[in-house]
Amino acid sequence: MKELVGGDCSGVRHPIIVCLYRAIRRLPPVDELDQPGQPAYPLIAWHTLPNAGTNGHVYAMVAVGSDLYVGGFFESTGDYIKELGYIARYNIASKTWHALPNKGLDHHTQALEIVGDDLYVAGSFSATGDNSLTDLGFIARYDMTTKSWHSLPNKGVGSYSLWALERMGSDLYVGGNINQTGEGTLTDLGGIVRLSLDVQNWRYLPLVVKR
């Protein structure tokens, strides 16, 4: 069994933020498998990632094939060799870190969600790291095929930060400090809004009627 765990890994020998946790269950010899009460002994070990992980905190991870997309409050790898810009791609097969185009984003990321070939990213950013794409409004779409960033309609959403993304069917639900869309077309959103993925439109959630 293999699991990927993020957070503050300062308790291990070499402090890192992203750790690879491998739990291997050791079975008894074959000739003892049929013995009643034979326990299975877990063999557990922590492993640092290359370049000492990241130099900050990791808030979100999502796996796509042999790639692990990692987002959080970090600007480079832990050894400060590779600039990352609050989001990065870690290839599990080659054990290498890769920056995303345009120097990533200009502030931290807090939620990731995969929709087809797209990676939706939410957080506290307003532009790409090189400022080539602005008015993102705390959420952006990264095309993993063309390796390009795209803004969402209405200059995004929120007034400070977005914390959660969840896809359900053809909709993407976005949660956080949300009162309106970036340019104010939709208001009084109440902390959550729905993006229709088919037509790329923001939608209100139904009103709750108290009786």
N, C-alpha and C. Protein backbone atom coordinates (compact mmCIF):
# COMPACT_ATOMS: atom_id res chain seq x y z
N MET A 1 0.85 -1.18 0.00
CA MET A 1 0.00 0.00 0.00
C MET A 1 0.88 1.23 0.00
N LYS A 2 0.52 2.24 -0.78
CA LYS A 2 1.32 3.45 -0.86
C LYS A 2 0.41 4.66 -0.68
N GLU A 3 0.78 5.57 0.18
CA GLU A 3 -0.01 6.77 0.40
C GLU A 3 0.91 7.97 0.33
N LEU A 4 0.33 9.11 -0.12
CA LEU A 4 1.07 10.36 -0.17
C LEU A 4 0.47 11.30 0.84
N VAL A 5 1.31 11.86 1.70
CA VAL A 5 0.83 12.66 2.80
C VAL A 5 1.48 14.02 2.77
N GLY A 6 0.71 15.12 2.96
CA GLY A 6 1.29 16.46 2.99
C GLY A 6 1.07 17.10 4.33
N GLY A 7 1.86 18.11 4.64
CA GLY A 7 1.72 18.82 5.89
C GLY A 7 3.08 19.19 6.44
N ASP A 8 3.17 19.43 7.72
CA ASP A 8 4.43 19.79 8.35
C ASP A 8 5.15 18.52 8.77
N CYS A 9 6.23 18.18 8.08
CA CYS A 9 6.97 16.95 8.35
C CYS A 9 8.23 17.23 9.16
N SER A 10 8.19 18.23 10.02
CA SER A 10 9.37 18.61 10.77
C SER A 10 9.79 17.55 11.77
N GLY A 11 8.93 16.57 12.01
CA GLY A 11 9.26 15.53 12.98
C GLY A 11 10.20 14.47 12.44
N VAL A 12 10.42 14.43 11.12
CA VAL A 12 11.34 13.45 10.58
C VAL A 12 12.76 13.98 10.63
N ARG A 13 13.71 13.12 10.30
CA ARG A 13 15.13 13.49 10.47
C ARG A 13 15.50 14.70 9.62
N HIS A 14 15.06 14.70 8.38
CA HIS A 14 15.33 15.83 7.49
C HIS A 14 14.02 16.56 7.25
N PRO A 15 13.81 17.73 7.84
CA PRO A 15 12.54 18.44 7.73
C PRO A 15 12.16 18.70 6.28
N ILE A 16 10.97 18.28 5.91
CA ILE A 16 10.41 18.58 4.60
C ILE A 16 8.93 18.82 4.77
N ILE A 17 8.27 19.28 3.74
CA ILE A 17 6.85 19.54 3.81
C ILE A 17 6.05 18.44 3.13
N VAL A 18 6.61 17.86 2.09
CA VAL A 18 5.91 16.76 1.42
C VAL A 18 6.65 15.48 1.72
N CYS A 19 5.98 14.48 2.23
CA CYS A 19 6.62 13.20 2.55
C CYS A 19 5.96 12.08 1.76
N LEU A 20 6.75 11.11 1.38
CA LEU A 20 6.20 9.90 0.76
C LEU A 20 6.16 8.82 1.82
N TYR A 21 4.94 8.38 2.10
CA TYR A 21 4.74 7.40 3.17
C TYR A 21 4.45 6.04 2.54
N ARG A 22 5.32 5.08 2.82
CA ARG A 22 5.12 3.74 2.28
C ARG A 22 4.84 2.77 3.43
N ALA A 23 3.69 2.13 3.37
CA ALA A 23 3.37 1.13 4.38
C ALA A 23 3.33 -0.22 3.67
N ILE A 24 4.25 -1.13 4.02
CA ILE A 24 4.32 -2.44 3.39
C ILE A 24 3.97 -3.50 4.44
N ARG A 25 2.91 -4.23 4.18
CA ARG A 25 2.51 -5.26 5.13
C ARG A 25 3.26 -6.55 4.85
N ARG A 26 4.07 -6.97 5.83
CA ARG A 26 4.89 -8.16 5.68
C ARG A 26 4.10 -9.40 6.09
N LEU A 27 3.98 -10.33 5.18
CA LEU A 27 3.24 -11.56 5.44
C LEU A 27 4.18 -12.62 6.00
N PRO A 28 3.67 -13.55 6.78
CA PRO A 28 4.49 -14.66 7.29
C PRO A 28 4.87 -15.59 6.15
N PRO A 29 5.80 -16.52 6.39
CA PRO A 29 6.17 -17.48 5.35
C PRO A 29 4.95 -18.23 4.83
N VAL A 30 5.06 -18.69 3.58
CA VAL A 30 3.93 -19.33 2.93
C VAL A 30 3.43 -20.52 3.73
N ASP A 31 4.35 -21.28 4.31
CA ASP A 31 3.92 -22.47 5.04
C ASP A 31 3.25 -22.16 6.36
N GLU A 32 3.22 -20.89 6.73
CA GLU A 32 2.56 -20.51 7.98
C GLU A 32 1.24 -19.77 7.74
N LEU A 33 0.92 -19.54 6.45
CA LEU A 33 -0.26 -18.74 6.14
C LEU A 33 -1.54 -19.40 6.64
N ASP A 34 -1.54 -20.73 6.68
CA ASP A 34 -2.77 -21.42 7.09
C ASP A 34 -2.84 -21.62 8.59
N GLN A 35 -1.88 -21.07 9.34
CA GLN A 35 -1.90 -21.21 10.79
C GLN A 35 -2.84 -20.18 11.40
N PRO A 36 -3.79 -20.60 12.21
CA PRO A 36 -4.73 -19.66 12.82
C PRO A 36 -4.02 -18.68 13.75
N GLY A 37 -4.48 -17.46 13.71
CA GLY A 37 -3.93 -16.44 14.60
C GLY A 37 -2.60 -15.86 14.17
N GLN A 38 -2.15 -16.21 12.96
CA GLN A 38 -0.86 -15.69 12.49
C GLN A 38 -1.02 -14.20 12.15
N PRO A 39 -0.30 -13.31 12.85
CA PRO A 39 -0.45 -11.87 12.59
C PRO A 39 0.34 -11.43 11.36
N ALA A 40 -0.03 -10.27 10.82
CA ALA A 40 0.73 -9.64 9.75
C ALA A 40 1.42 -8.43 10.36
N TYR A 41 2.73 -8.33 10.17
CA TYR A 41 3.49 -7.27 10.81
C TYR A 41 3.74 -6.12 9.85
N PRO A 42 3.24 -4.94 10.18
CA PRO A 42 3.45 -3.80 9.28
C PRO A 42 4.89 -3.31 9.33
N LEU A 43 5.42 -2.96 8.17
CA LEU A 43 6.76 -2.39 8.06
C LEU A 43 6.58 -0.97 7.55
N ILE A 44 6.86 0.02 8.38
CA ILE A 44 6.53 1.40 8.06
C ILE A 44 7.79 2.24 8.02
N ALA A 45 7.88 3.12 7.02
CA ALA A 45 9.05 4.00 6.92
C ALA A 45 8.67 5.30 6.23
N TRP A 46 9.29 6.39 6.67
CA TRP A 46 9.12 7.70 6.04
C TRP A 46 10.26 7.92 5.06
N HIS A 47 9.96 8.58 3.94
CA HIS A 47 10.99 8.87 2.95
C HIS A 47 10.88 10.33 2.52
N THR A 48 11.96 11.05 2.57
CA THR A 48 11.96 12.42 2.08
C THR A 48 11.87 12.42 0.56
N LEU A 49 11.36 13.52 0.01
CA LEU A 49 11.34 13.69 -1.44
C LEU A 49 12.60 14.46 -1.85
N PRO A 50 12.98 14.38 -3.12
CA PRO A 50 14.19 15.06 -3.57
C PRO A 50 14.13 16.57 -3.33
N ASN A 51 15.30 17.18 -3.26
CA ASN A 51 15.43 18.63 -3.08
C ASN A 51 14.82 19.10 -1.77
N ALA A 52 14.72 18.21 -0.79
CA ALA A 52 14.18 18.54 0.53
C ALA A 52 12.73 19.01 0.46
N GLY A 53 11.96 18.44 -0.49
CA GLY A 53 10.55 18.79 -0.58
C GLY A 53 10.33 20.22 -1.03
N THR A 54 9.54 20.98 -0.27
CA THR A 54 9.31 22.40 -0.58
C THR A 54 9.78 23.25 0.59
N ASN A 55 9.82 24.55 0.37
CA ASN A 55 10.31 25.44 1.43
C ASN A 55 9.18 26.07 2.24
N GLY A 56 7.99 25.48 2.18
CA GLY A 56 6.86 26.03 2.91
C GLY A 56 5.85 24.97 3.29
N HIS A 57 4.58 25.34 3.26
CA HIS A 57 3.50 24.44 3.65
C HIS A 57 2.76 23.91 2.42
N VAL A 58 2.33 22.67 2.48
CA VAL A 58 1.54 22.06 1.42
C VAL A 58 0.10 21.94 1.90
N TYR A 59 -0.83 22.45 1.10
CA TYR A 59 -2.25 22.43 1.46
C TYR A 59 -3.08 21.48 0.62
N ALA A 60 -2.60 21.14 -0.58
CA ALA A 60 -3.43 20.30 -1.47
C ALA A 60 -2.54 19.49 -2.40
N MET A 61 -3.01 18.27 -2.71
CA MET A 61 -2.32 17.41 -3.67
C MET A 61 -3.34 16.63 -4.46
N VAL A 62 -3.01 16.36 -5.72
CA VAL A 62 -3.87 15.53 -6.55
C VAL A 62 -2.98 14.78 -7.53
N ALA A 63 -3.27 13.50 -7.74
CA ALA A 63 -2.45 12.65 -8.61
C ALA A 63 -3.09 12.49 -9.98
N VAL A 64 -2.24 12.56 -11.01
CA VAL A 64 -2.66 12.35 -12.39
C VAL A 64 -1.61 11.46 -13.05
N GLY A 65 -1.92 10.21 -13.24
CA GLY A 65 -0.94 9.29 -13.79
C GLY A 65 0.26 9.18 -12.87
N SER A 66 1.45 9.42 -13.41
CA SER A 66 2.67 9.37 -12.60
C SER A 66 3.05 10.74 -12.06
N ASP A 67 2.17 11.72 -12.22
CA ASP A 67 2.43 13.08 -11.72
C ASP A 67 1.61 13.38 -10.48
N LEU A 68 2.23 14.09 -9.56
CA LEU A 68 1.54 14.58 -8.37
C LEU A 68 1.60 16.09 -8.39
N TYR A 69 0.44 16.72 -8.52
CA TYR A 69 0.39 18.18 -8.47
C TYR A 69 0.25 18.60 -7.01
N VAL A 70 1.10 19.54 -6.61
CA VAL A 70 1.20 19.95 -5.22
C VAL A 70 1.00 21.46 -5.13
N GLY A 71 0.10 21.89 -4.25
CA GLY A 71 -0.13 23.32 -4.08
C GLY A 71 -0.04 23.72 -2.62
N GLY A 72 0.32 24.97 -2.38
CA GLY A 72 0.41 25.44 -1.00
C GLY A 72 1.08 26.78 -0.89
N PHE A 73 1.74 26.98 0.26
CA PHE A 73 2.42 28.24 0.53
C PHE A 73 3.92 27.99 0.47
N PHE A 74 4.43 27.87 -0.73
CA PHE A 74 5.87 27.64 -0.94
C PHE A 74 6.28 28.30 -2.26
N GLU A 75 7.51 28.74 -2.32
CA GLU A 75 8.01 29.42 -3.50
C GLU A 75 9.10 28.64 -4.23
N SER A 76 9.63 27.62 -3.59
CA SER A 76 10.70 26.85 -4.21
C SER A 76 10.79 25.48 -3.54
N THR A 77 11.70 24.65 -4.05
CA THR A 77 11.98 23.40 -3.36
C THR A 77 12.68 23.73 -2.04
N GLY A 78 12.75 22.75 -1.17
CA GLY A 78 13.32 22.99 0.15
C GLY A 78 14.78 23.39 0.13
N ASP A 79 15.51 23.00 -0.93
CA ASP A 79 16.91 23.39 -1.03
C ASP A 79 17.10 24.68 -1.83
N TYR A 80 15.98 25.31 -2.20
CA TYR A 80 15.97 26.61 -2.88
C TYR A 80 16.61 26.57 -4.27
N ILE A 81 16.71 25.39 -4.85
CA ILE A 81 17.32 25.27 -6.18
C ILE A 81 16.30 25.56 -7.28
N LYS A 82 15.07 25.07 -7.11
CA LYS A 82 14.06 25.24 -8.15
C LYS A 82 12.95 26.18 -7.69
N GLU A 83 12.71 27.25 -8.44
CA GLU A 83 11.60 28.16 -8.15
C GLU A 83 10.30 27.50 -8.60
N LEU A 84 9.28 27.54 -7.73
CA LEU A 84 8.03 26.83 -8.02
C LEU A 84 6.80 27.73 -8.13
N GLY A 85 6.71 28.76 -7.32
CA GLY A 85 5.56 29.66 -7.44
C GLY A 85 4.26 29.09 -6.90
N TYR A 86 4.31 28.51 -5.70
CA TYR A 86 3.11 28.08 -4.95
C TYR A 86 2.39 26.87 -5.54
N ILE A 87 2.90 26.33 -6.63
CA ILE A 87 2.32 25.11 -7.20
C ILE A 87 3.40 24.40 -8.00
N ALA A 88 3.38 23.07 -7.99
CA ALA A 88 4.42 22.33 -8.69
C ALA A 88 3.91 20.97 -9.11
N ARG A 89 4.65 20.37 -10.04
CA ARG A 89 4.37 19.00 -10.48
C ARG A 89 5.54 18.12 -10.06
N TYR A 90 5.23 17.07 -9.31
CA TYR A 90 6.26 16.12 -8.91
C TYR A 90 6.04 14.81 -9.65
N ASN A 91 7.03 14.40 -10.44
CA ASN A 91 6.91 13.15 -11.17
C ASN A 91 7.39 12.00 -10.29
N ILE A 92 6.49 11.11 -9.98
CA ILE A 92 6.79 10.03 -9.06
C ILE A 92 7.76 9.02 -9.67
N ALA A 93 7.67 8.81 -11.00
CA ALA A 93 8.54 7.83 -11.65
C ALA A 93 10.00 8.31 -11.68
N SER A 94 10.21 9.57 -12.09
CA SER A 94 11.57 10.08 -12.20
C SER A 94 12.06 10.75 -10.92
N LYS A 95 11.13 10.93 -9.95
CA LYS A 95 11.47 11.57 -8.68
C LYS A 95 12.06 12.96 -8.89
N THR A 96 11.36 13.75 -9.70
CA THR A 96 11.84 15.10 -10.00
C THR A 96 10.72 16.13 -9.85
N TRP A 97 11.09 17.32 -9.42
CA TRP A 97 10.16 18.45 -9.30
C TRP A 97 10.17 19.26 -10.60
N HIS A 98 8.99 19.78 -10.96
CA HIS A 98 8.88 20.60 -12.16
C HIS A 98 8.01 21.81 -11.87
N ALA A 99 8.49 22.99 -12.26
CA ALA A 99 7.70 24.21 -12.12
C ALA A 99 6.65 24.24 -13.21
N LEU A 100 5.52 24.87 -12.95
CA LEU A 100 4.50 25.07 -13.98
C LEU A 100 4.83 26.35 -14.75
N PRO A 101 4.27 26.50 -15.96
CA PRO A 101 4.59 27.67 -16.79
C PRO A 101 4.26 28.99 -16.10
N ASN A 102 4.86 30.05 -16.62
CA ASN A 102 4.61 31.42 -16.15
C ASN A 102 4.95 31.62 -14.68
N LYS A 103 5.92 30.86 -14.20
CA LYS A 103 6.37 30.95 -12.82
C LYS A 103 5.26 30.66 -11.82
N GLY A 104 4.36 29.75 -12.21
CA GLY A 104 3.28 29.36 -11.31
C GLY A 104 2.30 30.48 -11.05
N LEU A 105 2.02 30.75 -9.78
CA LEU A 105 1.05 31.77 -9.39
C LEU A 105 1.69 32.77 -8.44
N ASP A 106 1.02 33.91 -8.22
CA ASP A 106 1.65 34.97 -7.44
C ASP A 106 1.34 34.90 -5.94
N HIS A 107 0.53 33.92 -5.55
CA HIS A 107 0.28 33.72 -4.11
C HIS A 107 -0.17 32.29 -3.89
N HIS A 108 -0.43 31.94 -2.64
CA HIS A 108 -0.58 30.52 -2.32
C HIS A 108 -1.86 29.89 -2.87
N THR A 109 -1.78 28.57 -3.04
CA THR A 109 -2.91 27.77 -3.52
C THR A 109 -3.39 26.87 -2.39
N GLN A 110 -4.70 26.63 -2.36
CA GLN A 110 -5.28 25.88 -1.24
C GLN A 110 -6.16 24.71 -1.66
N ALA A 111 -6.53 24.65 -2.94
CA ALA A 111 -7.39 23.54 -3.38
C ALA A 111 -7.08 23.20 -4.83
N LEU A 112 -7.14 21.91 -5.14
CA LEU A 112 -6.90 21.41 -6.49
C LEU A 112 -7.99 20.42 -6.85
N GLU A 113 -8.41 20.45 -8.12
CA GLU A 113 -9.42 19.50 -8.58
C GLU A 113 -9.19 19.20 -10.06
N ILE A 114 -9.22 17.92 -10.42
CA ILE A 114 -9.02 17.50 -11.80
C ILE A 114 -10.36 17.36 -12.50
N VAL A 115 -10.45 17.95 -13.70
CA VAL A 115 -11.63 17.79 -14.56
C VAL A 115 -11.10 17.49 -15.97
N GLY A 116 -11.12 16.23 -16.37
CA GLY A 116 -10.58 15.86 -17.67
C GLY A 116 -9.10 16.17 -17.75
N ASP A 117 -8.72 16.97 -18.76
CA ASP A 117 -7.32 17.37 -18.93
C ASP A 117 -7.01 18.68 -18.23
N ASP A 118 -7.95 19.17 -17.45
CA ASP A 118 -7.77 20.45 -16.78
C ASP A 118 -7.55 20.28 -15.28
N LEU A 119 -6.69 21.12 -14.75
CA LEU A 119 -6.48 21.19 -13.31
C LEU A 119 -7.01 22.54 -12.83
N TYR A 120 -8.06 22.50 -12.00
CA TYR A 120 -8.60 23.73 -11.43
C TYR A 120 -7.87 24.01 -10.12
N VAL A 121 -7.43 25.24 -9.99
CA VAL A 121 -6.62 25.65 -8.84
C VAL A 121 -7.29 26.84 -8.16
N ALA A 122 -7.43 26.77 -6.84
CA ALA A 122 -8.04 27.86 -6.07
C ALA A 122 -7.12 28.23 -4.91
N GLY A 123 -7.19 29.49 -4.50
CA GLY A 123 -6.36 29.94 -3.40
C GLY A 123 -6.50 31.43 -3.15
N SER A 124 -5.33 32.10 -2.98
CA SER A 124 -5.32 33.53 -2.67
C SER A 124 -4.52 34.31 -3.71
N PHE A 125 -4.51 33.85 -4.92
CA PHE A 125 -3.72 34.48 -5.98
C PHE A 125 -4.60 35.33 -6.91
N SER A 126 -3.98 36.27 -7.59
CA SER A 126 -4.70 37.11 -8.53
C SER A 126 -4.07 37.11 -9.92
N ALA A 127 -2.90 36.49 -10.06
CA ALA A 127 -2.21 36.47 -11.35
C ALA A 127 -1.22 35.31 -11.39
N THR A 128 -0.70 35.02 -12.58
CA THR A 128 0.39 34.07 -12.68
C THR A 128 1.65 34.71 -12.09
N GLY A 129 2.64 33.90 -11.82
CA GLY A 129 3.83 34.41 -11.16
C GLY A 129 4.58 35.47 -11.95
N ASP A 130 4.51 35.39 -13.30
CA ASP A 130 5.19 36.39 -14.12
C ASP A 130 4.28 37.55 -14.51
N ASN A 131 3.06 37.54 -13.96
CA ASN A 131 2.07 38.61 -14.18
C ASN A 131 1.60 38.70 -15.64
N SER A 132 1.77 37.63 -16.40
CA SER A 132 1.32 37.65 -17.80
C SER A 132 -0.18 37.43 -17.91
N LEU A 133 -0.78 36.80 -16.90
CA LEU A 133 -2.22 36.59 -16.86
C LEU A 133 -2.73 37.13 -15.54
N THR A 134 -3.55 38.17 -15.62
CA THR A 134 -3.99 38.87 -14.41
C THR A 134 -5.51 38.73 -14.21
N ASP A 135 -6.01 39.33 -13.13
CA ASP A 135 -7.44 39.30 -12.82
C ASP A 135 -7.99 37.88 -12.74
N LEU A 136 -7.22 36.98 -12.13
CA LEU A 136 -7.67 35.60 -12.01
C LEU A 136 -8.76 35.43 -10.95
N GLY A 137 -8.77 36.31 -9.95
CA GLY A 137 -9.82 36.23 -8.96
C GLY A 137 -9.80 34.97 -8.12
N PHE A 138 -8.60 34.53 -7.71
CA PHE A 138 -8.42 33.44 -6.76
C PHE A 138 -8.69 32.04 -7.31
N ILE A 139 -8.95 31.94 -8.62
CA ILE A 139 -9.18 30.63 -9.21
C ILE A 139 -8.71 30.65 -10.67
N ALA A 140 -8.16 29.53 -11.12
CA ALA A 140 -7.66 29.45 -12.50
C ALA A 140 -7.75 28.01 -13.00
N ARG A 141 -7.69 27.89 -14.31
CA ARG A 141 -7.71 26.57 -14.95
C ARG A 141 -6.36 26.35 -15.63
N TYR A 142 -5.73 25.22 -15.32
CA TYR A 142 -4.46 24.88 -15.96
C TYR A 142 -4.68 23.70 -16.88
N ASP A 143 -4.42 23.90 -18.19
CA ASP A 143 -4.58 22.83 -19.17
C ASP A 143 -3.31 21.98 -19.14
N MET A 144 -3.44 20.74 -18.68
CA MET A 144 -2.27 19.87 -18.52
C MET A 144 -1.74 19.38 -19.86
N THR A 145 -2.57 19.44 -20.92
CA THR A 145 -2.12 19.02 -22.24
C THR A 145 -1.30 20.10 -22.93
N THR A 146 -1.84 21.32 -22.97
CA THR A 146 -1.14 22.43 -23.62
C THR A 146 -0.19 23.14 -22.68
N LYS A 147 -0.26 22.78 -21.38
CA LYS A 147 0.59 23.41 -20.36
C LYS A 147 0.42 24.93 -20.36
N SER A 148 -0.84 25.34 -20.24
CA SER A 148 -1.15 26.76 -20.26
C SER A 148 -2.20 27.12 -19.21
N TRP A 149 -2.10 28.36 -18.69
CA TRP A 149 -3.04 28.86 -17.70
C TRP A 149 -4.19 29.60 -18.39
N HIS A 150 -5.38 29.51 -17.78
CA HIS A 150 -6.55 30.20 -18.33
C HIS A 150 -7.37 30.80 -17.19
N SER A 151 -7.87 31.99 -17.42
CA SER A 151 -8.75 32.63 -16.42
C SER A 151 -10.14 32.06 -16.53
N LEU A 152 -10.93 32.22 -15.48
CA LEU A 152 -12.33 31.81 -15.48
C LEU A 152 -13.23 33.03 -15.72
N PRO A 153 -14.50 32.80 -16.04
CA PRO A 153 -15.38 33.92 -16.36
C PRO A 153 -15.51 34.93 -15.22
N ASN A 154 -15.85 36.15 -15.59
CA ASN A 154 -16.19 37.21 -14.63
C ASN A 154 -15.06 37.54 -13.66
N LYS A 155 -13.82 37.33 -14.11
CA LYS A 155 -12.65 37.62 -13.28
C LYS A 155 -12.66 36.82 -11.98
N GLY A 156 -13.12 35.57 -12.09
CA GLY A 156 -13.10 34.69 -10.93
C GLY A 156 -14.14 35.04 -9.89
N VAL A 157 -13.88 34.61 -8.64
CA VAL A 157 -14.81 34.86 -7.55
C VAL A 157 -14.05 35.13 -6.26
N GLY A 158 -14.77 35.58 -5.28
CA GLY A 158 -14.18 35.74 -3.95
C GLY A 158 -13.73 37.16 -3.67
N SER A 159 -13.48 37.40 -2.40
CA SER A 159 -13.01 38.72 -1.99
C SER A 159 -11.71 38.62 -1.20
N TYR A 160 -11.27 37.40 -0.89
CA TYR A 160 -10.00 37.23 -0.19
C TYR A 160 -9.32 35.91 -0.53
N SER A 161 -10.04 34.80 -0.38
CA SER A 161 -9.40 33.51 -0.61
C SER A 161 -10.44 32.42 -0.84
N LEU A 162 -10.05 31.41 -1.63
CA LEU A 162 -10.88 30.24 -1.86
C LEU A 162 -10.21 29.03 -1.23
N TRP A 163 -11.01 28.15 -0.63
CA TRP A 163 -10.46 27.06 0.17
C TRP A 163 -10.87 25.67 -0.28
N ALA A 164 -11.89 25.57 -1.13
CA ALA A 164 -12.38 24.22 -1.45
C ALA A 164 -12.91 24.14 -2.87
N LEU A 165 -12.63 23.00 -3.52
CA LEU A 165 -13.15 22.70 -4.85
C LEU A 165 -13.69 21.28 -4.85
N GLU A 166 -14.84 21.08 -5.48
CA GLU A 166 -15.40 19.73 -5.58
C GLU A 166 -16.23 19.62 -6.85
N ARG A 167 -15.87 18.66 -7.69
CA ARG A 167 -16.64 18.44 -8.91
C ARG A 167 -17.76 17.46 -8.66
N MET A 168 -18.93 17.80 -9.19
CA MET A 168 -20.08 16.89 -9.15
C MET A 168 -20.73 16.94 -10.52
N GLY A 169 -20.55 15.87 -11.30
CA GLY A 169 -21.10 15.84 -12.64
C GLY A 169 -20.50 16.92 -13.52
N SER A 170 -21.34 17.76 -14.09
CA SER A 170 -20.89 18.82 -14.98
C SER A 170 -20.71 20.16 -14.25
N ASP A 171 -20.69 20.10 -12.93
CA ASP A 171 -20.54 21.32 -12.12
C ASP A 171 -19.30 21.26 -11.25
N LEU A 172 -18.72 22.42 -11.01
CA LEU A 172 -17.62 22.54 -10.07
C LEU A 172 -18.07 23.47 -8.96
N TYR A 173 -18.11 22.96 -7.73
CA TYR A 173 -18.50 23.77 -6.57
C TYR A 173 -17.26 24.39 -5.95
N VAL A 174 -17.36 25.66 -5.67
CA VAL A 174 -16.24 26.43 -5.15
C VAL A 174 -16.63 27.06 -3.83
N GLY A 175 -15.81 26.86 -2.80
CA GLY A 175 -16.11 27.42 -1.49
C GLY A 175 -14.98 28.27 -0.95
N GLY A 176 -15.33 29.25 -0.12
CA GLY A 176 -14.32 30.11 0.48
C GLY A 176 -14.90 31.43 0.92
N ASN A 177 -14.07 32.44 0.92
CA ASN A 177 -14.51 33.78 1.27
C ASN A 177 -15.10 34.41 0.02
N ILE A 178 -16.32 34.03 -0.29
CA ILE A 178 -16.97 34.42 -1.55
C ILE A 178 -18.21 35.26 -1.26
N ASN A 179 -18.22 36.45 -1.79
CA ASN A 179 -19.42 37.28 -1.72
C ASN A 179 -19.96 37.59 -3.10
N GLN A 180 -19.06 37.68 -4.07
CA GLN A 180 -19.48 38.01 -5.43
C GLN A 180 -18.44 37.53 -6.44
N THR A 181 -18.82 37.57 -7.73
CA THR A 181 -17.84 37.29 -8.77
C THR A 181 -16.87 38.47 -8.85
N GLY A 182 -15.75 38.26 -9.52
CA GLY A 182 -14.70 39.26 -9.52
C GLY A 182 -15.10 40.62 -10.00
N GLU A 183 -16.00 40.67 -10.99
CA GLU A 183 -16.43 41.98 -11.50
C GLU A 183 -17.81 42.37 -11.01
N GLY A 184 -18.36 41.60 -10.07
CA GLY A 184 -19.59 42.00 -9.40
C GLY A 184 -20.90 41.68 -10.09
N THR A 185 -20.87 40.83 -11.11
CA THR A 185 -22.12 40.47 -11.80
C THR A 185 -23.05 39.69 -10.88
N LEU A 186 -22.49 38.71 -10.17
CA LEU A 186 -23.28 37.97 -9.18
C LEU A 186 -22.85 38.41 -7.79
N THR A 187 -23.81 38.70 -6.95
CA THR A 187 -23.52 39.15 -5.59
C THR A 187 -24.24 38.28 -4.57
N ASP A 188 -23.92 38.49 -3.30
CA ASP A 188 -24.56 37.75 -2.20
C ASP A 188 -24.47 36.24 -2.41
N LEU A 189 -23.28 35.77 -2.72
CA LEU A 189 -23.08 34.34 -3.00
C LEU A 189 -23.05 33.49 -1.74
N GLY A 190 -22.75 34.09 -0.62
CA GLY A 190 -22.82 33.36 0.64
C GLY A 190 -21.77 32.29 0.84
N GLY A 191 -20.56 32.50 0.34
CA GLY A 191 -19.47 31.59 0.62
C GLY A 191 -19.33 30.41 -0.32
N ILE A 192 -20.28 30.22 -1.24
CA ILE A 192 -20.21 29.07 -2.15
C ILE A 192 -20.88 29.42 -3.47
N VAL A 193 -20.32 28.89 -4.55
CA VAL A 193 -20.88 29.17 -5.88
C VAL A 193 -20.63 27.95 -6.76
N ARG A 194 -21.42 27.84 -7.82
CA ARG A 194 -21.33 26.69 -8.73
C ARG A 194 -20.89 27.17 -10.11
N LEU A 195 -19.88 26.51 -10.66
CA LEU A 195 -19.44 26.80 -12.02
C LEU A 195 -19.96 25.70 -12.93
N SER A 196 -20.76 26.07 -13.92
CA SER A 196 -21.23 25.10 -14.90
C SER A 196 -20.09 24.86 -15.89
N LEU A 197 -19.52 23.66 -15.87
CA LEU A 197 -18.34 23.38 -16.67
C LEU A 197 -18.64 23.35 -18.16
N ASP A 198 -19.85 22.97 -18.54
CA ASP A 198 -20.21 22.87 -19.95
C ASP A 198 -20.19 24.23 -20.64
N VAL A 199 -20.74 25.23 -19.98
CA VAL A 199 -20.86 26.56 -20.59
C VAL A 199 -19.97 27.60 -19.90
N GLN A 200 -19.25 27.17 -18.86
CA GLN A 200 -18.34 28.06 -18.13
C GLN A 200 -19.08 29.31 -17.62
N ASN A 201 -20.17 29.06 -16.90
CA ASN A 201 -20.94 30.14 -16.27
C ASN A 201 -21.01 29.91 -14.77
N TRP A 202 -20.95 31.00 -14.02
CA TRP A 202 -21.15 30.93 -12.58
C TRP A 202 -22.64 30.92 -12.29
N ARG A 203 -23.06 30.13 -11.31
CA ARG A 203 -24.47 30.02 -10.97
C ARG A 203 -24.67 30.14 -9.46
N TYR A 204 -25.77 30.80 -9.09
CA TYR A 204 -26.16 30.82 -7.68
C TYR A 204 -26.56 29.42 -7.23
N LEU A 205 -26.43 29.15 -5.95
CA LEU A 205 -27.04 27.97 -5.38
C LEU A 205 -28.47 28.33 -4.96
N PRO A 206 -29.35 27.34 -4.87
CA PRO A 206 -30.75 27.63 -4.52
C PRO A 206 -30.86 28.32 -3.17
N LEU A 207 -31.87 29.16 -3.05
CA LEU A 207 -32.15 29.81 -1.78
C LEU A 207 -32.78 28.83 -0.81
N VAL A 208 -32.47 28.98 0.43
CA VAL A 208 -33.10 28.18 1.49
C VAL A 208 -34.31 28.94 2.00
N VAL A 209 -35.46 28.32 1.87
CA VAL A 209 -36.70 28.97 2.32
C VAL A 209 -37.06 28.45 3.70
N LYS A 210 -37.08 29.33 4.67
CA LYS A 210 -37.43 28.95 6.04
C LYS A 210 -38.94 29.01 6.23
N ARG A 211 -39.48 27.98 6.89
CA ARG A 211 -40.93 27.95 7.11
C ARG A 211 -41.22 28.02 8.61
